[in-house]
């Protein structure tokens, strides 16, 4: 009997106002506010937590972080991992995290070929 009375009150209230009546009184807003906070503030926190993943590392004008160097002296490769270069040409120096731990040698690329060149043969 109590349930049917509540249903009847809700139907009468809906017919008179056009809105569903909430038998508990005022509606809770916390689910809606929580949803808005997650949608609006969540991406900001993700941006602040992982800025390198979103923004990327600093890049040069051509979209890479590689530097170029001019070859001061011609060099003829004596090993397969070395690169022959001609005096006066521009080569692309690999980023520091790709450079080998061999003192005095620099990893460069020229005309699609990649190899090591003596560091003192290059001018930044």
Protein backbone atom coordinates (compact mmCIF):
# COMPACT_ATOMS: atom_id res chain seq x y z
CA UNK A 1 0.00 0.00 0.00
CA UNK A 2 2.86 2.38 0.82
CA UNK A 3 4.57 1.67 -2.51
CA UNK A 4 1.40 2.24 -4.51
CA UNK A 5 0.85 5.55 -2.67
CA UNK A 6 4.35 6.75 -3.62
CA UNK A 7 3.84 5.67 -7.23
CA UNK A 8 0.49 7.46 -7.35
CA UNK A 9 2.08 10.64 -5.92
CA UNK A 10 4.86 10.49 -8.52
CA UNK A 11 2.35 10.05 -11.36
CA UNK A 12 0.19 12.95 -10.13
CA UNK A 13 3.27 15.15 -9.70
CA UNK A 14 4.50 14.27 -13.19
CA UNK A 15 1.15 15.05 -14.75
CA UNK A 16 0.88 18.43 -13.02
CA UNK A 17 4.47 19.70 -13.49
CA UNK A 18 5.76 17.64 -16.41
CA UNK A 19 8.81 16.54 -14.39
CA UNK A 20 9.49 13.35 -12.49
CA UNK A 21 9.18 13.80 -8.77
CA UNK A 22 12.03 12.62 -6.57
CA UNK A 23 10.49 10.85 -3.59
CA UNK A 24 13.66 11.40 -1.50
CA UNK A 25 13.51 15.17 -1.98
CA UNK A 26 16.29 17.16 -3.64
CA UNK A 27 18.40 15.30 -6.22
CA UNK A 28 22.04 14.55 -5.46
CA UNK A 29 24.38 16.59 -7.65
CA UNK A 30 27.64 14.93 -6.63
CA UNK A 31 27.65 12.36 -9.51
CA UNK A 32 27.20 15.15 -12.05
CA UNK A 33 29.81 17.40 -10.42
CA UNK A 34 32.26 14.50 -10.17
CA UNK A 35 31.76 13.71 -13.84
CA UNK A 36 32.40 17.34 -14.82
CA UNK A 37 35.54 17.47 -12.70
CA UNK A 38 36.94 14.30 -14.25
CA UNK A 39 36.16 15.46 -17.78
CA UNK A 40 37.47 19.02 -17.32
CA UNK A 41 40.33 18.63 -14.86
CA UNK A 42 41.52 15.10 -15.71
CA UNK A 43 43.26 16.01 -18.99
CA UNK A 44 45.06 18.90 -17.26
CA UNK A 45 46.50 16.57 -14.62
CA UNK A 46 47.58 14.09 -17.29
CA UNK A 47 49.26 16.94 -19.19
CA UNK A 48 51.13 18.02 -16.05
CA UNK A 49 52.16 14.48 -15.10
CA UNK A 50 53.50 13.50 -18.55
CA UNK A 51 54.60 16.69 -20.34
CA UNK A 52 57.39 15.03 -22.36
CA UNK A 53 55.02 12.44 -23.81
CA UNK A 54 52.54 15.04 -24.94
CA UNK A 55 54.77 17.93 -25.92
CA UNK A 56 57.69 15.89 -27.20
CA UNK A 57 61.30 16.86 -26.71
CA UNK A 58 62.69 20.12 -28.04
CA UNK A 59 63.11 19.79 -31.77
CA UNK A 60 64.93 21.77 -34.39
CA UNK A 61 63.24 23.66 -37.19
CA UNK A 62 63.28 20.64 -39.50
CA UNK A 63 61.49 18.45 -36.95
CA UNK A 64 64.58 16.64 -35.70
CA UNK A 65 66.94 17.33 -32.84
CA UNK A 66 70.04 16.51 -34.93
CA UNK A 67 72.79 19.04 -35.52
CA UNK A 68 74.88 19.46 -38.63
CA UNK A 69 78.65 19.77 -38.83
CA UNK A 70 81.10 20.67 -41.57
CA UNK A 71 83.89 18.23 -42.42
CA UNK A 72 87.29 19.94 -41.97
CA UNK A 73 89.44 17.19 -43.48
CA UNK A 74 88.68 14.31 -45.82
CA UNK A 75 88.58 10.92 -44.14
CA UNK A 76 88.68 7.47 -45.68
CA UNK A 77 87.00 4.72 -43.66
CA UNK A 78 89.21 1.84 -42.62
CA UNK A 79 86.50 -0.23 -40.84
CA UNK A 80 82.93 -1.12 -41.83
CA UNK A 81 81.48 0.95 -38.98
CA UNK A 82 83.32 4.10 -40.12
CA UNK A 83 82.15 6.58 -42.77
CA UNK A 84 84.25 8.11 -45.55
CA UNK A 85 83.69 11.87 -45.83
CA UNK A 86 85.02 14.61 -48.08
CA UNK A 87 86.37 17.95 -46.84
CA UNK A 88 83.77 20.76 -46.85
CA UNK A 89 80.64 18.58 -46.89
CA UNK A 90 77.85 18.95 -44.34
CA UNK A 91 77.03 15.88 -42.25
CA UNK A 92 74.25 15.25 -39.76
CA UNK A 93 75.48 14.50 -36.26
CA UNK A 94 73.45 11.88 -34.40
CA UNK A 95 71.79 12.88 -31.09
CA UNK A 96 73.90 12.49 -27.96
CA UNK A 97 71.91 9.49 -26.68
CA UNK A 98 72.89 7.59 -29.87
CA UNK A 99 76.56 8.53 -29.79
CA UNK A 100 78.91 5.63 -29.01
CA UNK A 101 81.05 5.65 -25.90
CA UNK A 102 84.21 5.60 -28.02
CA UNK A 103 86.31 8.65 -27.16
CA UNK A 104 87.28 10.79 -30.15
CA UNK A 105 84.66 9.40 -32.55
CA UNK A 106 81.33 10.89 -33.62
CA UNK A 107 78.39 9.11 -35.23
CA UNK A 108 77.26 10.99 -38.36
CA UNK A 109 75.21 10.43 -41.49
CA UNK A 110 75.85 11.72 -44.98
CA UNK A 111 73.90 10.92 -48.15
CA UNK A 112 71.98 8.17 -46.38
CA UNK A 113 75.07 6.40 -45.06
CA UNK A 114 75.78 6.23 -41.33
CA UNK A 115 79.11 5.72 -39.63
CA UNK A 116 81.80 6.94 -37.29
CA UNK A 117 84.13 9.83 -38.11
CA UNK A 118 86.99 11.21 -36.00
CA UNK A 119 85.53 14.01 -33.86
CA UNK A 120 88.43 16.39 -34.57
CA UNK A 121 87.64 16.19 -38.31
CA UNK A 122 84.30 17.96 -37.71
CA UNK A 123 83.39 21.57 -36.99
CA UNK A 124 80.01 22.38 -35.43
